[in-house]
Amino acid sequence: MNKDVIYVRIDEDLKQKLDMIALEEQRSLNNLVVWILTNFIESREKDSKK
């Protein structure tokens, strides 16, 4: 699977919170962000089918 690189600017506070969640879940920050975005899209797609 080809992977694209994107750059996102976020507040320092949000980054620290994401870092803490990733650490607690033993994930990389990248893996956590991909997981969050994937779940968001799946949720939207599920809601749009209703």
PDB file of N, CA and C in Angstrom:
ATOM      1  N   MET A   1       0.843  -1.175   0.000  1.00  0.00           N
ATOM      2  CA  MET A   1       0.000   0.000   0.000  1.00  0.00           C
ATOM      3  C   MET A   1       0.892   1.244   0.000  1.00  0.00           C
ATOM      4  N   ASN A   2       0.650   2.132  -0.926  1.00  0.00           N
ATOM      5  CA  ASN A   2       1.383   3.395  -0.956  1.00  0.00           C
ATOM      6  C   ASN A   2       0.858   4.309   0.136  1.00  0.00           C
ATOM      7  N   LYS A   3       1.760   5.039   0.745  1.00  0.00           N
ATOM      8  CA  LYS A   3       1.367   5.950   1.812  1.00  0.00           C
ATOM      9  C   LYS A   3       1.772   7.359   1.436  1.00  0.00           C
ATOM     10  N   ASP A   4       0.854   8.290   1.618  1.00  0.00           N
ATOM     11  CA  ASP A   4       1.131   9.698   1.382  1.00  0.00           C
ATOM     12  C   ASP A   4       1.564  10.344   2.689  1.00  0.00           C
ATOM     13  N   VAL A   5       2.322  11.381   2.564  1.00  0.00           N
ATOM     14  CA  VAL A   5       2.747  12.159   3.716  1.00  0.00           C
ATOM     15  C   VAL A   5       1.943  13.446   3.727  1.00  0.00           C
ATOM     16  N   ILE A   6       1.386  13.779   4.899  1.00  0.00           N
ATOM     17  CA  ILE A   6       0.693  15.055   5.052  1.00  0.00           C
ATOM     18  C   ILE A   6       1.304  15.779   6.253  1.00  0.00           C
ATOM     19  N   TYR A   7       1.231  17.076   6.222  1.00  0.00           N
ATOM     20  CA  TYR A   7       1.729  17.887   7.323  1.00  0.00           C
ATOM     21  C   TYR A   7       0.546  18.619   7.927  1.00  0.00           C
ATOM     22  N   VAL A   8       0.469  18.586   9.244  1.00  0.00           N
ATOM     23  CA  VAL A   8      -0.651  19.186   9.954  1.00  0.00           C
ATOM     24  C   VAL A   8      -0.089  20.076  11.067  1.00  0.00           C
ATOM     25  N   ARG A   9      -0.629  21.255  11.189  1.00  0.00           N
ATOM     26  CA  ARG A   9      -0.236  22.138  12.290  1.00  0.00           C
ATOM     27  C   ARG A   9      -1.305  22.032  13.371  1.00  0.00           C
ATOM     28  N   ILE A  10      -0.852  21.718  14.587  1.00  0.00           N
ATOM     29  CA  ILE A  10      -1.777  21.617  15.718  1.00  0.00           C
ATOM     30  C   ILE A  10      -1.191  22.373  16.902  1.00  0.00           C
ATOM     31  N   ASP A  11      -2.067  22.739  17.831  1.00  0.00           N
ATOM     32  CA  ASP A  11      -1.622  23.407  19.044  1.00  0.00           C
ATOM     33  C   ASP A  11      -0.736  22.477  19.869  1.00  0.00           C
ATOM     34  N   GLU A  12       0.189  23.067  20.590  1.00  0.00           N
ATOM     35  CA  GLU A  12       1.114  22.292  21.426  1.00  0.00           C
ATOM     36  C   GLU A  12       0.360  21.451  22.453  1.00  0.00           C
ATOM     37  N   ASP A  13      -0.704  22.015  23.018  1.00  0.00           N
ATOM     38  CA  ASP A  13      -1.497  21.301  24.026  1.00  0.00           C
ATOM     39  C   ASP A  13      -2.129  20.037  23.438  1.00  0.00           C
ATOM     40  N   LEU A  14      -2.691  20.155  22.239  1.00  0.00           N
ATOM     41  CA  LEU A  14      -3.289  18.992  21.575  1.00  0.00           C
ATOM     42  C   LEU A  14      -2.227  17.936  21.284  1.00  0.00           C
ATOM     43  N   LYS A  15      -1.065  18.358  20.823  1.00  0.00           N
ATOM     44  CA  LYS A  15       0.025  17.414  20.527  1.00  0.00           C
ATOM     45  C   LYS A  15       0.447  16.670  21.791  1.00  0.00           C
ATOM     46  N   GLN A  16       0.570  17.385  22.903  1.00  0.00           N
ATOM     47  CA  GLN A  16       0.949  16.741  24.160  1.00  0.00           C
ATOM     48  C   GLN A  16      -0.092  15.707  24.586  1.00  0.00           C
ATOM     49  N   LYS A  17      -1.363  16.046  24.425  1.00  0.00           N
ATOM     50  CA  LYS A  17      -2.422  15.095  24.790  1.00  0.00           C
ATOM     51  C   LYS A  17      -2.387  13.860  23.898  1.00  0.00           C
ATOM     52  N   LEU A  18      -2.184  14.067  22.607  1.00  0.00           N
ATOM     53  CA  LEU A  18      -2.084  12.930  21.686  1.00  0.00           C
ATOM     54  C   LEU A  18      -0.868  12.077  22.004  1.00  0.00           C
ATOM     55  N   ASP A  19       0.253  12.716  22.329  1.00  0.00           N
ATOM     56  CA  ASP A  19       1.459  11.978  22.718  1.00  0.00           C
ATOM     57  C   ASP A  19       1.201  11.103  23.941  1.00  0.00           C
ATOM     58  N   MET A  20       0.485  11.648  24.919  1.00  0.00           N
ATOM     59  CA  MET A  20       0.192  10.888  26.136  1.00  0.00           C
ATOM     60  C   MET A  20      -0.714   9.692  25.839  1.00  0.00           C
ATOM     61  N   ILE A  21      -1.722   9.893  25.010  1.00  0.00           N
ATOM     62  CA  ILE A  21      -2.623   8.798  24.651  1.00  0.00           C
ATOM     63  C   ILE A  21      -1.851   7.726  23.897  1.00  0.00           C
ATOM     64  N   ALA A  22      -1.016   8.127  22.964  1.00  0.00           N
ATOM     65  CA  ALA A  22      -0.216   7.164  22.192  1.00  0.00           C
ATOM     66  C   ALA A  22       0.684   6.365  23.125  1.00  0.00           C
ATOM     67  N   LEU A  23       1.303   7.036  24.073  1.00  0.00           N
ATOM     68  CA  LEU A  23       2.176   6.358  25.030  1.00  0.00           C
ATOM     69  C   LEU A  23       1.393   5.356  25.866  1.00  0.00           C
ATOM     70  N   GLU A  24       0.227   5.767  26.360  1.00  0.00           N
ATOM     71  CA  GLU A  24      -0.625   4.881  27.167  1.00  0.00           C
ATOM     72  C   GLU A  24      -1.064   3.651  26.376  1.00  0.00           C
ATOM     73  N   GLU A  25      -1.307   3.820  25.088  1.00  0.00           N
ATOM     74  CA  GLU A  25      -1.781   2.722  24.245  1.00  0.00           C
ATOM     75  C   GLU A  25      -0.642   1.990  23.540  1.00  0.00           C
ATOM     76  N   GLN A  26       0.595   2.364  23.874  1.00  0.00           N
ATOM     77  CA  GLN A  26       1.793   1.757  23.279  1.00  0.00           C
ATOM     78  C   GLN A  26       1.732   1.801  21.752  1.00  0.00           C
ATOM     79  N   ARG A  27       1.382   2.973  21.237  1.00  0.00           N
ATOM     80  CA  ARG A  27       1.320   3.227  19.803  1.00  0.00           C
ATOM     81  C   ARG A  27       2.276   4.362  19.487  1.00  0.00           C
ATOM     82  N   SER A  28       2.615   4.466  18.222  1.00  0.00           N
ATOM     83  CA  SER A  28       3.310   5.674  17.787  1.00  0.00           C
ATOM     84  C   SER A  28       2.254   6.769  17.621  1.00  0.00           C
ATOM     85  N   LEU A  29       2.696   8.001  17.615  1.00  0.00           N
ATOM     86  CA  LEU A  29       1.777   9.105  17.384  1.00  0.00           C
ATOM     87  C   LEU A  29       1.145   8.969  16.004  1.00  0.00           C
ATOM     88  N   ASN A  30       1.938   8.612  15.020  1.00  0.00           N
ATOM     89  CA  ASN A  30       1.414   8.426  13.663  1.00  0.00           C
ATOM     90  C   ASN A  30       0.321   7.363  13.650  1.00  0.00           C
ATOM     91  N   ASN A  31       0.575   6.233  14.295  1.00  0.00           N
ATOM     92  CA  ASN A  31      -0.405   5.154  14.324  1.00  0.00           C
ATOM     93  C   ASN A  31      -1.690   5.600  14.999  1.00  0.00           C
ATOM     94  N   LEU A  32      -1.580   6.363  16.070  1.00  0.00           N
ATOM     95  CA  LEU A  32      -2.758   6.864  16.772  1.00  0.00           C
ATOM     96  C   LEU A  32      -3.571   7.789  15.877  1.00  0.00           C
ATOM     97  N   VAL A  33      -2.910   8.711  15.196  1.00  0.00           N
ATOM     98  CA  VAL A  33      -3.611   9.662  14.331  1.00  0.00           C
ATOM     99  C   VAL A  33      -4.311   8.932  13.186  1.00  0.00           C
ATOM    100  N   VAL A  34      -3.647   7.954  12.589  1.00  0.00           N
ATOM    101  CA  VAL A  34      -4.270   7.170  11.510  1.00  0.00           C
ATOM    102  C   VAL A  34      -5.483   6.432  12.056  1.00  0.00           C
ATOM    103  N   TRP A  35      -5.366   5.846  13.237  1.00  0.00           N
ATOM    104  CA  TRP A  35      -6.474   5.123  13.867  1.00  0.00           C
ATOM    105  C   TRP A  35      -7.661   6.060  14.123  1.00  0.00           C
ATOM    106  N   ILE A  36      -7.392   7.250  14.646  1.00  0.00           N
ATOM    107  CA  ILE A  36      -8.448   8.226  14.923  1.00  0.00           C
ATOM    108  C   ILE A  36      -9.149   8.627  13.626  1.00  0.00           C
ATOM    109  N   LEU A  37      -8.373   8.939  12.602  1.00  0.00           N
ATOM    110  CA  LEU A  37      -8.966   9.353  11.330  1.00  0.00           C
ATOM    111  C   LEU A  37      -9.755   8.220  10.680  1.00  0.00           C
ATOM    112  N   THR A  38      -9.246   7.014  10.748  1.00  0.00           N
ATOM    113  CA  THR A  38      -9.950   5.854  10.182  1.00  0.00           C
ATOM    114  C   THR A  38     -11.286   5.648  10.882  1.00  0.00           C
ATOM    115  N   ASN A  39     -11.289   5.718  12.205  1.00  0.00           N
ATOM    116  CA  ASN A  39     -12.537   5.553  12.959  1.00  0.00           C
ATOM    117  C   ASN A  39     -13.520   6.673  12.665  1.00  0.00           C
ATOM    118  N   PHE A  40     -13.026   7.881  12.508  1.00  0.00           N
ATOM    119  CA  PHE A  40     -13.895   9.012  12.174  1.00  0.00           C
ATOM    120  C   PHE A  40     -14.580   8.787  10.829  1.00  0.00           C
ATOM    121  N   ILE A  41     -13.810   8.378   9.847  1.00  0.00           N
ATOM    122  CA  ILE A  41     -14.373   8.139   8.504  1.00  0.00           C
ATOM    123  C   ILE A  41     -15.374   6.987   8.532  1.00  0.00           C
ATOM    124  N   GLU A  42     -15.032   5.902   9.216  1.00  0.00           N
ATOM    125  CA  GLU A  42     -15.958   4.766   9.315  1.00  0.00           C
ATOM    126  C   GLU A  42     -17.262   5.178   9.988  1.00  0.00           C
ATOM    127  N   SER A  43     -17.169   5.998  11.020  1.00  0.00           N
ATOM    128  CA  SER A  43     -18.357   6.472  11.716  1.00  0.00           C
ATOM    129  C   SER A  43     -19.232   7.337  10.808  1.00  0.00           C
ATOM    130  N   ARG A  44     -18.604   8.223  10.060  1.00  0.00           N
ATOM    131  CA  ARG A  44     -19.358   9.079   9.123  1.00  0.00           C
ATOM    132  C   ARG A  44     -20.017   8.256   8.042  1.00  0.00           C
ATOM    133  N   GLU A  45     -19.292   7.276   7.527  1.00  0.00           N
ATOM    134  CA  GLU A  45     -19.873   6.432   6.475  1.00  0.00           C
ATOM    135  C   GLU A  45     -21.045   5.625   7.013  1.00  0.00           C
ATOM    136  N   LYS A  46     -20.922   5.142   8.227  1.00  0.00           N
ATOM    137  CA  LYS A  46     -22.000   4.389   8.861  1.00  0.00           C
ATOM    138  C   LYS A  46     -23.210   5.290   9.075  1.00  0.00           C
ATOM    139  N   ASP A  47     -23.001   6.514   9.531  1.00  0.00           N
ATOM    140  CA  ASP A  47     -24.090   7.462   9.765  1.00  0.00           C
ATOM    141  C   ASP A  47     -24.774   7.875   8.464  1.00  0.00           C
ATOM    142  N   SER A  48     -24.009   7.974   7.400  1.00  0.00           N
ATOM    143  CA  SER A  48     -24.602   8.402   6.118  1.00  0.00           C
ATOM    144  C   SER A  48     -25.468   7.322   5.493  1.00  0.00           C
ATOM    145  N   LYS A  49     -25.289   6.089   5.914  1.00  0.00           N
ATOM    146  CA  LYS A  49     -26.103   4.984   5.381  1.00  0.00           C
ATOM    147  C   LYS A  49     -27.458   4.885   6.076  1.00  0.00           C
ATOM    148  N   LYS A  50     -27.606   5.607   7.175  1.00  0.00           N
ATOM    149  CA  LYS A  50     -28.875   5.544   7.917  1.00  0.00           C
ATOM    150  C   LYS A  50     -29.960   6.320   7.229  1.00  0.00           C
TER     151      LYS A  50
END
